[in-house]
Amino acid sequence: MVRRTAFAVAAVLVVAGCSSGEQAAENRQGQTGFVSGSGNVSVFAPAERKPAPAISGTTLDDKPWSLADQAGKVVVLNVWGSWCSPCRKEAPDLVAAAKELGPSVQFVGLNTRDLDKAPARKFAQEFGVTYPSIYDPSGKLLLGFRGQISASAIPSTLVIDKNGKVAARVIGEVTKQTLVGMVKDAQ
């Protein structure tokens, strides 16, 4: 059973992007098919949760990161692009939620479709993003979430519980209040 609510369970995977804008068009270099979501939250009962895909890669700081290394933690994974207006809008909320929730919750970004790390690093610096972000210029890692989120539904948020299963998702921008509630419900 899927419930739609302002709060969810477990770790959060945020997938962010955008569907329009001059800068987005330039940075996507001809890519199309992006849609934005409504911000609805879907919460999955424990018996209905599906495992999150095995995701790992190199961060914008050239360090390895793996979801498997986060076993036993609630994880918030934000998939975003520096070119994305909704990503810019929700970034301060993500940073504030990460700060409020502290080190017991692992936030991580999944930077997608930035063909160069420089704009992504500038985005992280501009918004004070202190948690790591995996660099995924081709969107290959994002495709691992097929069936749980659409690669074109940008931004989106998945909640991954301490057992590595998707407990909730947000399709669209997420707020600090929603994010904190989702994680607290998951713990």
N, C-alpha and C. Protein backbone atom coordinates (compact mmCIF):
# COMPACT_ATOMS: atom_id res chain seq x y z
N MET A 1 0.85 -1.18 0.00
CA MET A 1 0.00 0.00 0.00
C MET A 1 0.89 1.24 0.00
N VAL A 2 0.58 2.19 -0.83
CA VAL A 2 1.32 3.44 -0.91
C VAL A 2 0.44 4.53 -0.32
N ARG A 3 1.00 5.27 0.64
CA ARG A 3 0.30 6.41 1.22
C ARG A 3 0.96 7.67 0.70
N ARG A 4 0.19 8.68 0.43
CA ARG A 4 0.74 9.98 0.06
C ARG A 4 0.58 10.88 1.27
N THR A 5 1.72 11.46 1.70
CA THR A 5 1.71 12.27 2.91
C THR A 5 2.84 13.28 2.85
N ALA A 6 2.87 14.19 3.78
CA ALA A 6 3.95 15.18 3.83
C ALA A 6 5.18 14.60 4.50
N PHE A 7 5.05 13.44 5.09
CA PHE A 7 6.18 12.84 5.78
C PHE A 7 6.39 11.42 5.28
N ALA A 8 7.58 10.91 5.45
CA ALA A 8 7.90 9.58 4.97
C ALA A 8 8.71 8.82 5.98
N VAL A 9 9.32 7.75 5.53
CA VAL A 9 10.08 6.86 6.37
C VAL A 9 11.50 6.79 5.84
N ALA A 10 12.49 6.59 6.67
CA ALA A 10 13.87 6.22 6.38
C ALA A 10 14.74 7.27 5.74
N ALA A 11 15.63 6.82 4.88
CA ALA A 11 16.63 7.68 4.25
C ALA A 11 16.06 8.34 3.03
N VAL A 12 16.64 9.41 2.61
CA VAL A 12 16.06 10.17 1.52
C VAL A 12 17.01 10.22 0.33
N LEU A 13 16.44 9.94 -0.82
CA LEU A 13 17.17 10.10 -2.06
C LEU A 13 16.47 11.19 -2.83
N VAL A 14 17.13 12.28 -3.03
CA VAL A 14 16.52 13.38 -3.72
C VAL A 14 17.08 13.43 -5.13
N VAL A 15 16.19 13.44 -6.05
CA VAL A 15 16.60 13.54 -7.43
C VAL A 15 16.14 14.89 -7.93
N ALA A 16 17.08 15.72 -8.33
CA ALA A 16 16.69 17.07 -8.71
C ALA A 16 17.17 17.40 -10.11
N GLY A 17 16.43 18.20 -10.78
CA GLY A 17 16.77 18.67 -12.11
C GLY A 17 15.81 19.75 -12.49
N CYS A 18 15.59 19.97 -13.79
CA CYS A 18 14.61 20.95 -14.19
C CYS A 18 14.13 20.66 -15.60
N SER A 19 13.06 21.34 -15.97
CA SER A 19 12.44 21.07 -17.25
C SER A 19 12.57 22.21 -18.24
N SER A 20 13.02 23.37 -17.81
CA SER A 20 13.10 24.48 -18.74
C SER A 20 14.16 25.46 -18.30
N GLY A 21 14.30 26.51 -19.06
CA GLY A 21 15.25 27.56 -18.72
C GLY A 21 16.40 27.59 -19.70
N GLU A 22 16.86 28.77 -19.98
CA GLU A 22 17.94 28.95 -20.94
C GLU A 22 19.22 28.24 -20.50
N GLN A 23 19.59 28.39 -19.23
CA GLN A 23 20.81 27.75 -18.75
C GLN A 23 20.68 26.24 -18.82
N ALA A 24 19.52 25.72 -18.48
CA ALA A 24 19.30 24.28 -18.54
C ALA A 24 19.47 23.78 -19.96
N ALA A 25 18.91 24.48 -20.90
CA ALA A 25 19.00 24.06 -22.29
C ALA A 25 20.45 24.05 -22.75
N GLU A 26 21.22 25.06 -22.36
CA GLU A 26 22.62 25.11 -22.76
C GLU A 26 23.41 23.95 -22.16
N ASN A 27 23.22 23.68 -20.88
CA ASN A 27 24.00 22.65 -20.22
C ASN A 27 23.58 21.24 -20.60
N ARG A 28 22.32 21.04 -20.97
CA ARG A 28 21.87 19.71 -21.37
C ARG A 28 22.33 19.39 -22.77
N GLN A 29 22.71 20.38 -23.52
CA GLN A 29 23.20 20.24 -24.88
C GLN A 29 22.29 19.34 -25.71
N GLY A 30 21.03 19.77 -25.82
CA GLY A 30 20.10 19.07 -26.68
C GLY A 30 19.29 17.99 -26.00
N GLN A 31 19.53 17.68 -24.75
CA GLN A 31 18.74 16.67 -24.06
C GLN A 31 17.34 17.20 -23.86
N THR A 32 16.36 16.33 -23.99
CA THR A 32 14.97 16.71 -23.76
C THR A 32 14.30 15.67 -22.90
N GLY A 33 13.02 15.89 -22.58
CA GLY A 33 12.26 14.90 -21.85
C GLY A 33 12.21 15.12 -20.36
N PHE A 34 12.66 16.25 -19.87
CA PHE A 34 12.62 16.51 -18.44
C PHE A 34 11.22 16.96 -18.04
N VAL A 35 10.75 16.44 -16.93
CA VAL A 35 9.48 16.87 -16.38
C VAL A 35 9.69 17.20 -14.92
N SER A 36 8.92 18.13 -14.43
CA SER A 36 9.02 18.42 -13.01
C SER A 36 7.84 17.78 -12.31
N GLY A 37 8.02 17.49 -11.04
CA GLY A 37 6.97 16.83 -10.28
C GLY A 37 6.19 17.81 -9.43
N SER A 38 5.19 17.29 -8.75
CA SER A 38 4.29 18.11 -7.95
C SER A 38 4.74 18.25 -6.50
N GLY A 39 5.72 17.46 -6.09
CA GLY A 39 6.16 17.51 -4.70
C GLY A 39 5.40 16.52 -3.82
N ASN A 40 4.55 15.68 -4.42
CA ASN A 40 3.83 14.67 -3.64
C ASN A 40 4.80 13.67 -3.03
N VAL A 41 4.48 13.24 -1.83
CA VAL A 41 5.30 12.26 -1.13
C VAL A 41 4.56 10.93 -1.12
N SER A 42 5.24 9.87 -1.50
CA SER A 42 4.70 8.52 -1.41
C SER A 42 5.46 7.79 -0.31
N VAL A 43 4.74 7.17 0.61
CA VAL A 43 5.35 6.42 1.70
C VAL A 43 4.99 4.95 1.52
N PHE A 44 5.98 4.09 1.61
CA PHE A 44 5.77 2.66 1.41
C PHE A 44 5.81 1.92 2.74
N ALA A 45 4.84 1.06 2.96
CA ALA A 45 4.81 0.23 4.17
C ALA A 45 6.04 -0.67 4.17
N PRO A 46 6.57 -1.04 5.34
CA PRO A 46 7.78 -1.86 5.40
C PRO A 46 7.71 -3.12 4.53
N ALA A 47 6.59 -3.79 4.48
CA ALA A 47 6.48 -5.02 3.70
C ALA A 47 6.50 -4.77 2.19
N GLU A 48 6.26 -3.53 1.77
CA GLU A 48 6.19 -3.21 0.35
C GLU A 48 7.44 -2.52 -0.19
N ARG A 49 8.41 -2.31 0.66
CA ARG A 49 9.62 -1.60 0.23
C ARG A 49 10.50 -2.49 -0.63
N LYS A 50 11.05 -1.87 -1.66
CA LYS A 50 11.97 -2.57 -2.56
C LYS A 50 13.38 -2.09 -2.29
N PRO A 51 14.37 -2.97 -2.46
CA PRO A 51 15.76 -2.57 -2.23
C PRO A 51 16.19 -1.44 -3.17
N ALA A 52 16.95 -0.52 -2.62
CA ALA A 52 17.56 0.52 -3.45
C ALA A 52 18.66 -0.14 -4.27
N PRO A 53 18.93 0.35 -5.46
CA PRO A 53 20.00 -0.25 -6.25
C PRO A 53 21.36 -0.02 -5.59
N ALA A 54 22.29 -0.90 -5.90
CA ALA A 54 23.66 -0.72 -5.43
C ALA A 54 24.24 0.46 -6.18
N ILE A 55 24.47 1.54 -5.47
CA ILE A 55 24.96 2.76 -6.11
C ILE A 55 26.31 3.13 -5.51
N SER A 56 27.26 3.40 -6.38
CA SER A 56 28.57 3.83 -5.92
C SER A 56 29.21 4.63 -7.05
N GLY A 57 30.16 5.44 -6.66
CA GLY A 57 30.86 6.24 -7.66
C GLY A 57 31.88 7.14 -7.00
N THR A 58 32.35 8.09 -7.79
CA THR A 58 33.34 9.05 -7.33
C THR A 58 32.63 10.39 -7.11
N THR A 59 32.95 11.03 -6.00
CA THR A 59 32.31 12.30 -5.67
C THR A 59 32.93 13.45 -6.46
N LEU A 60 32.32 14.60 -6.34
CA LEU A 60 32.87 15.80 -6.97
C LEU A 60 34.25 16.12 -6.44
N ASP A 61 34.56 15.64 -5.23
CA ASP A 61 35.88 15.82 -4.63
C ASP A 61 36.81 14.65 -4.93
N ASP A 62 36.44 13.83 -5.90
CA ASP A 62 37.25 12.70 -6.37
C ASP A 62 37.49 11.64 -5.29
N LYS A 63 36.50 11.43 -4.43
CA LYS A 63 36.58 10.39 -3.40
C LYS A 63 35.53 9.33 -3.70
N PRO A 64 35.81 8.07 -3.37
CA PRO A 64 34.82 7.03 -3.61
C PRO A 64 33.67 7.13 -2.60
N TRP A 65 32.46 6.78 -3.05
CA TRP A 65 31.29 6.76 -2.17
C TRP A 65 30.43 5.59 -2.60
N SER A 66 29.88 4.86 -1.61
CA SER A 66 29.04 3.71 -1.90
C SER A 66 27.88 3.64 -0.91
N LEU A 67 26.70 3.35 -1.42
CA LEU A 67 25.53 3.18 -0.56
C LEU A 67 25.74 1.99 0.37
N ALA A 68 26.42 0.96 -0.10
CA ALA A 68 26.69 -0.22 0.72
C ALA A 68 27.46 0.13 1.98
N ASP A 69 28.30 1.15 1.91
CA ASP A 69 29.08 1.57 3.08
C ASP A 69 28.22 2.30 4.12
N GLN A 70 26.99 2.59 3.78
CA GLN A 70 26.10 3.33 4.68
C GLN A 70 25.11 2.42 5.40
N ALA A 71 25.33 1.11 5.33
CA ALA A 71 24.41 0.15 5.95
C ALA A 71 24.12 0.53 7.39
N GLY A 72 22.85 0.47 7.77
CA GLY A 72 22.44 0.80 9.12
C GLY A 72 22.16 2.27 9.34
N LYS A 73 22.33 3.09 8.29
CA LYS A 73 22.07 4.53 8.38
C LYS A 73 20.91 4.90 7.47
N VAL A 74 20.22 5.94 7.85
CA VAL A 74 19.26 6.58 6.96
C VAL A 74 20.11 7.42 6.00
N VAL A 75 19.80 7.33 4.71
CA VAL A 75 20.58 8.04 3.70
C VAL A 75 19.67 8.97 2.91
N VAL A 76 20.12 10.19 2.71
CA VAL A 76 19.41 11.15 1.88
C VAL A 76 20.27 11.39 0.64
N LEU A 77 19.79 10.92 -0.51
CA LEU A 77 20.54 11.07 -1.75
C LEU A 77 19.84 12.07 -2.64
N ASN A 78 20.47 13.19 -2.93
CA ASN A 78 19.90 14.26 -3.76
C ASN A 78 20.49 14.21 -5.15
N VAL A 79 19.68 13.85 -6.13
CA VAL A 79 20.14 13.86 -7.52
C VAL A 79 19.78 15.22 -8.10
N TRP A 80 20.79 15.90 -8.59
CA TRP A 80 20.61 17.29 -8.99
C TRP A 80 21.53 17.64 -10.15
N GLY A 81 21.32 18.81 -10.71
CA GLY A 81 22.20 19.35 -11.73
C GLY A 81 22.40 20.83 -11.47
N SER A 82 23.57 21.32 -11.73
CA SER A 82 23.86 22.74 -11.47
C SER A 82 23.02 23.65 -12.35
N TRP A 83 22.54 23.15 -13.44
CA TRP A 83 21.76 23.88 -14.44
C TRP A 83 20.28 23.97 -14.10
N CYS A 84 19.87 23.40 -13.00
CA CYS A 84 18.47 23.19 -12.69
C CYS A 84 17.89 24.23 -11.74
N SER A 85 16.88 24.96 -12.18
CA SER A 85 16.23 25.96 -11.32
C SER A 85 15.59 25.35 -10.08
N PRO A 86 14.80 24.26 -10.20
CA PRO A 86 14.22 23.66 -8.98
C PRO A 86 15.29 23.17 -8.01
N CYS A 87 16.43 22.73 -8.53
CA CYS A 87 17.53 22.28 -7.66
C CYS A 87 18.06 23.47 -6.85
N ARG A 88 18.17 24.60 -7.48
CA ARG A 88 18.63 25.81 -6.79
C ARG A 88 17.62 26.23 -5.73
N LYS A 89 16.35 26.07 -6.04
CA LYS A 89 15.31 26.47 -5.10
C LYS A 89 15.31 25.58 -3.85
N GLU A 90 15.51 24.27 -4.03
CA GLU A 90 15.45 23.37 -2.88
C GLU A 90 16.78 23.19 -2.15
N ALA A 91 17.88 23.61 -2.75
CA ALA A 91 19.21 23.40 -2.14
C ALA A 91 19.31 23.94 -0.72
N PRO A 92 18.85 25.16 -0.42
CA PRO A 92 18.95 25.65 0.96
C PRO A 92 18.17 24.77 1.95
N ASP A 93 17.04 24.21 1.51
CA ASP A 93 16.26 23.33 2.39
C ASP A 93 17.00 22.02 2.65
N LEU A 94 17.66 21.50 1.64
CA LEU A 94 18.44 20.27 1.82
C LEU A 94 19.60 20.49 2.79
N VAL A 95 20.29 21.60 2.60
CA VAL A 95 21.42 21.94 3.48
C VAL A 95 20.93 22.11 4.92
N ALA A 96 19.81 22.81 5.10
CA ALA A 96 19.26 23.03 6.44
C ALA A 96 18.81 21.72 7.08
N ALA A 97 18.20 20.84 6.30
CA ALA A 97 17.76 19.54 6.84
C ALA A 97 18.96 18.69 7.24
N ALA A 98 19.98 18.69 6.41
CA ALA A 98 21.19 17.92 6.73
C ALA A 98 21.81 18.43 8.03
N LYS A 99 21.85 19.73 8.19
CA LYS A 99 22.42 20.31 9.40
C LYS A 99 21.58 19.95 10.63
N GLU A 100 20.26 20.08 10.50
CA GLU A 100 19.38 19.77 11.63
C GLU A 100 19.43 18.30 12.03
N LEU A 101 19.47 17.42 11.05
CA LEU A 101 19.45 15.98 11.33
C LEU A 101 20.79 15.45 11.80
N GLY A 102 21.86 16.11 11.44
CA GLY A 102 23.18 15.75 11.94
C GLY A 102 23.78 14.50 11.33
N PRO A 103 24.88 14.04 11.91
CA PRO A 103 25.66 12.95 11.32
C PRO A 103 25.01 11.57 11.38
N SER A 104 23.92 11.42 12.12
CA SER A 104 23.27 10.10 12.16
C SER A 104 22.54 9.80 10.86
N VAL A 105 22.34 10.82 10.02
CA VAL A 105 21.71 10.65 8.71
C VAL A 105 22.73 11.05 7.66
N GLN A 106 22.95 10.18 6.68
CA GLN A 106 23.92 10.46 5.63
C GLN A 106 23.23 11.10 4.43
N PHE A 107 23.52 12.35 4.16
CA PHE A 107 23.06 13.00 2.94
C PHE A 107 24.14 12.82 1.89
N VAL A 108 23.72 12.59 0.66
CA VAL A 108 24.65 12.50 -0.46
C VAL A 108 23.91 12.98 -1.71
N GLY A 109 24.62 13.68 -2.56
CA GLY A 109 24.04 14.13 -3.82
C GLY A 109 24.38 13.18 -4.93
N LEU A 110 23.57 13.20 -5.97
CA LEU A 110 23.88 12.49 -7.21
C LEU A 110 23.77 13.54 -8.31
N ASN A 111 24.90 14.12 -8.65
CA ASN A 111 24.95 15.18 -9.65
C ASN A 111 24.84 14.55 -11.03
N THR A 112 23.80 14.92 -11.77
CA THR A 112 23.57 14.30 -13.06
C THR A 112 23.54 15.31 -14.19
N ARG A 113 24.05 14.89 -15.31
CA ARG A 113 24.01 15.62 -16.58
C ARG A 113 24.82 16.91 -16.60
N ASP A 114 25.66 17.13 -15.61
CA ASP A 114 26.65 18.20 -15.70
C ASP A 114 27.84 17.58 -16.41
N LEU A 115 28.17 18.08 -17.58
CA LEU A 115 29.23 17.47 -18.37
C LEU A 115 30.62 17.84 -17.89
N ASP A 116 30.69 18.76 -16.95
CA ASP A 116 31.95 19.21 -16.37
C ASP A 116 31.72 19.38 -14.87
N LYS A 117 32.70 19.03 -14.07
CA LYS A 117 32.56 19.14 -12.61
C LYS A 117 32.57 20.58 -12.12
N ALA A 118 33.16 21.49 -12.86
CA ALA A 118 33.31 22.88 -12.39
C ALA A 118 31.97 23.53 -12.03
N PRO A 119 30.94 23.47 -12.88
CA PRO A 119 29.66 24.09 -12.50
C PRO A 119 29.02 23.40 -11.28
N ALA A 120 29.19 22.11 -11.18
CA ALA A 120 28.65 21.36 -10.04
C ALA A 120 29.35 21.76 -8.75
N ARG A 121 30.67 21.88 -8.81
CA ARG A 121 31.42 22.32 -7.62
C ARG A 121 31.03 23.75 -7.22
N LYS A 122 30.82 24.61 -8.22
CA LYS A 122 30.41 25.99 -7.94
C LYS A 122 29.03 26.00 -7.27
N PHE A 123 28.11 25.18 -7.75
CA PHE A 123 26.78 25.06 -7.15
C PHE A 123 26.90 24.66 -5.68
N ALA A 124 27.68 23.62 -5.40
CA ALA A 124 27.86 23.15 -4.02
C ALA A 124 28.44 24.25 -3.14
N GLN A 125 29.40 24.99 -3.66
CA GLN A 125 30.01 26.09 -2.90
C GLN A 125 29.01 27.22 -2.68
N GLU A 126 28.29 27.59 -3.71
CA GLU A 126 27.33 28.69 -3.64
C GLU A 126 26.24 28.43 -2.60
N PHE A 127 25.78 27.18 -2.51
CA PHE A 127 24.69 26.85 -1.59
C PHE A 127 25.17 26.25 -0.27
N GLY A 128 26.47 26.15 -0.06
CA GLY A 128 27.00 25.64 1.20
C GLY A 128 26.74 24.17 1.41
N VAL A 129 26.71 23.41 0.33
CA VAL A 129 26.46 21.97 0.41
C VAL A 129 27.74 21.31 0.94
N THR A 130 27.63 20.75 2.13
CA THR A 130 28.82 20.14 2.76
C THR A 130 28.84 18.63 2.62
N TYR A 131 27.71 18.03 2.27
CA TYR A 131 27.69 16.58 2.09
C TYR A 131 28.23 16.24 0.70
N PRO A 132 28.73 15.01 0.51
CA PRO A 132 29.32 14.64 -0.77
C PRO A 132 28.27 14.50 -1.87
N SER A 133 28.71 14.63 -3.11
CA SER A 133 27.86 14.38 -4.27
C SER A 133 28.62 13.50 -5.25
N ILE A 134 27.97 12.41 -5.66
CA ILE A 134 28.54 11.53 -6.67
C ILE A 134 28.36 12.20 -8.03
N TYR A 135 29.39 12.14 -8.84
CA TYR A 135 29.36 12.75 -10.17
C TYR A 135 28.86 11.71 -11.18
N ASP A 136 27.73 11.99 -11.82
CA ASP A 136 27.10 11.07 -12.76
C ASP A 136 26.70 11.83 -14.03
N PRO A 137 27.68 12.26 -14.83
CA PRO A 137 27.38 13.12 -15.98
C PRO A 137 26.45 12.48 -17.01
N SER A 138 26.51 11.18 -17.16
CA SER A 138 25.70 10.51 -18.18
C SER A 138 24.31 10.11 -17.66
N GLY A 139 24.11 10.14 -16.34
CA GLY A 139 22.84 9.70 -15.77
C GLY A 139 22.75 8.20 -15.61
N LYS A 140 23.85 7.49 -15.81
CA LYS A 140 23.84 6.02 -15.72
C LYS A 140 23.43 5.53 -14.33
N LEU A 141 23.97 6.15 -13.28
CA LEU A 141 23.61 5.73 -11.92
C LEU A 141 22.14 6.00 -11.64
N LEU A 142 21.65 7.13 -12.12
CA LEU A 142 20.24 7.48 -11.95
C LEU A 142 19.33 6.41 -12.56
N LEU A 143 19.74 5.85 -13.69
CA LEU A 143 18.94 4.82 -14.36
C LEU A 143 18.79 3.56 -13.50
N GLY A 144 19.69 3.38 -12.53
CA GLY A 144 19.58 2.24 -11.62
C GLY A 144 18.33 2.29 -10.76
N PHE A 145 17.71 3.44 -10.66
CA PHE A 145 16.50 3.61 -9.86
C PHE A 145 15.23 3.44 -10.69
N ARG A 146 15.39 2.93 -11.91
CA ARG A 146 14.25 2.70 -12.79
C ARG A 146 13.18 1.89 -12.06
N GLY A 147 11.95 2.31 -12.19
CA GLY A 147 10.85 1.63 -11.51
C GLY A 147 10.54 2.26 -10.16
N GLN A 148 11.49 3.02 -9.62
CA GLN A 148 11.28 3.71 -8.35
C GLN A 148 11.14 5.21 -8.57
N ILE A 149 11.92 5.73 -9.51
CA ILE A 149 11.78 7.11 -9.96
C ILE A 149 12.10 7.15 -11.44
N SER A 150 11.51 8.08 -12.12
CA SER A 150 11.80 8.25 -13.53
C SER A 150 13.02 9.15 -13.67
N ALA A 151 13.89 8.81 -14.59
CA ALA A 151 15.08 9.62 -14.83
C ALA A 151 14.70 11.01 -15.34
N SER A 152 13.47 11.17 -15.82
CA SER A 152 13.05 12.48 -16.32
C SER A 152 12.23 13.26 -15.31
N ALA A 153 11.87 12.67 -14.19
CA ALA A 153 11.10 13.36 -13.15
C ALA A 153 12.07 14.09 -12.24
N ILE A 154 12.37 15.30 -12.62
CA ILE A 154 13.41 16.06 -11.92
C ILE A 154 12.81 17.36 -11.42
N PRO A 155 12.92 17.62 -10.14
CA PRO A 155 13.56 16.86 -9.07
C PRO A 155 12.66 15.74 -8.51
N SER A 156 13.28 14.80 -7.85
CA SER A 156 12.61 13.69 -7.16
C SER A 156 13.38 13.37 -5.89
N THR A 157 12.72 12.71 -4.96
CA THR A 157 13.37 12.33 -3.70
C THR A 157 12.98 10.92 -3.34
N LEU A 158 13.95 10.08 -3.06
CA LEU A 158 13.68 8.74 -2.54
C LEU A 158 14.15 8.67 -1.11
N VAL A 159 13.45 7.89 -0.32
CA VAL A 159 13.82 7.67 1.07
C VAL A 159 14.28 6.22 1.20
N ILE A 160 15.49 6.01 1.62
CA ILE A 160 16.06 4.67 1.77
C ILE A 160 16.27 4.41 3.25
N ASP A 161 15.66 3.33 3.75
CA ASP A 161 15.73 3.07 5.18
C ASP A 161 17.05 2.44 5.60
N LYS A 162 17.18 2.16 6.86
CA LYS A 162 18.43 1.61 7.42
C LYS A 162 18.74 0.22 6.87
N ASN A 163 17.75 -0.42 6.27
CA ASN A 163 17.95 -1.74 5.67
C ASN A 163 18.22 -1.66 4.17
N GLY A 164 18.38 -0.44 3.65
CA GLY A 164 18.70 -0.27 2.24
C GLY A 164 17.50 -0.37 1.32
N LYS A 165 16.29 -0.18 1.87
CA LYS A 165 15.08 -0.27 1.05
C LYS A 165 14.43 1.10 0.92
N VAL A 166 13.82 1.32 -0.25
CA VAL A 166 13.16 2.59 -0.51
C VAL A 166 11.88 2.66 0.32
N ALA A 167 11.84 3.62 1.21
CA ALA A 167 10.70 3.77 2.12
C ALA A 167 9.75 4.88 1.68
N ALA A 168 10.25 5.84 0.91
CA ALA A 168 9.41 6.94 0.46
C ALA A 168 10.06 7.66 -0.71
N ARG A 169 9.26 8.47 -1.38
CA ARG A 169 9.81 9.29 -2.46
C ARG A 169 9.00 10.55 -2.61
N VAL A 170 9.68 11.57 -3.11
CA VAL A 170 9.05 12.83 -3.48
C VAL A 170 9.36 13.05 -4.96
N ILE A 171 8.34 13.29 -5.74
CA ILE A 171 8.53 13.65 -7.13
C ILE A 171 8.29 15.15 -7.20
N GLY A 172 9.34 15.91 -7.33
CA GLY A 172 9.27 17.37 -7.32
C GLY A 172 10.15 17.92 -6.22
N GLU A 173 10.09 19.22 -6.04
CA GLU A 173 10.91 19.88 -5.02
C GLU A 173 10.52 19.40 -3.63
N VAL A 174 11.52 19.36 -2.76
CA VAL A 174 11.29 18.95 -1.38
C VAL A 174 11.64 20.12 -0.47
N THR A 175 10.94 20.21 0.65
CA THR A 175 11.21 21.26 1.63
C THR A 175 11.91 20.66 2.83
N LYS A 176 12.51 21.53 3.63
CA LYS A 176 13.18 21.09 4.85
C LYS A 176 12.19 20.37 5.76
N GLN A 177 11.03 20.96 5.95
CA GLN A 177 10.04 20.37 6.86
C GLN A 177 9.65 18.95 6.42
N THR A 178 9.40 18.78 5.14
CA THR A 178 9.06 17.45 4.63
C THR A 178 10.22 16.48 4.81
N LEU A 179 11.40 16.92 4.47
CA LEU A 179 12.58 16.07 4.57
C LEU A 179 12.84 15.62 6.00
N VAL A 180 12.81 16.56 6.93
CA VAL A 180 13.04 16.23 8.35
C VAL A 180 11.96 15.26 8.83
N GLY A 181 10.71 15.51 8.45
CA GLY A 181 9.63 14.61 8.84
C GLY A 181 9.80 13.21 8.28
N MET A 182 10.22 13.13 7.02
CA MET A 182 10.43 11.83 6.39
C MET A 182 11.50 11.04 7.13
N VAL A 183 12.59 11.69 7.42
CA VAL A 183 13.70 11.00 8.09
C VAL A 183 13.31 10.61 9.52
N LYS A 184 12.67 11.50 10.24
CA LYS A 184 12.27 11.18 11.61
C LYS A 184 11.28 10.04 11.64
N ASP A 185 10.36 10.01 10.69
CA ASP A 185 9.41 8.90 10.59
C ASP A 185 10.12 7.58 10.29
N ALA A 186 11.25 7.67 9.62
CA ALA A 186 11.97 6.47 9.23
C ALA A 186 12.85 5.88 10.31
N GLN A 187 13.19 6.67 11.29
CA GLN A 187 14.13 6.20 12.31
C GLN A 187 13.46 5.35 13.36
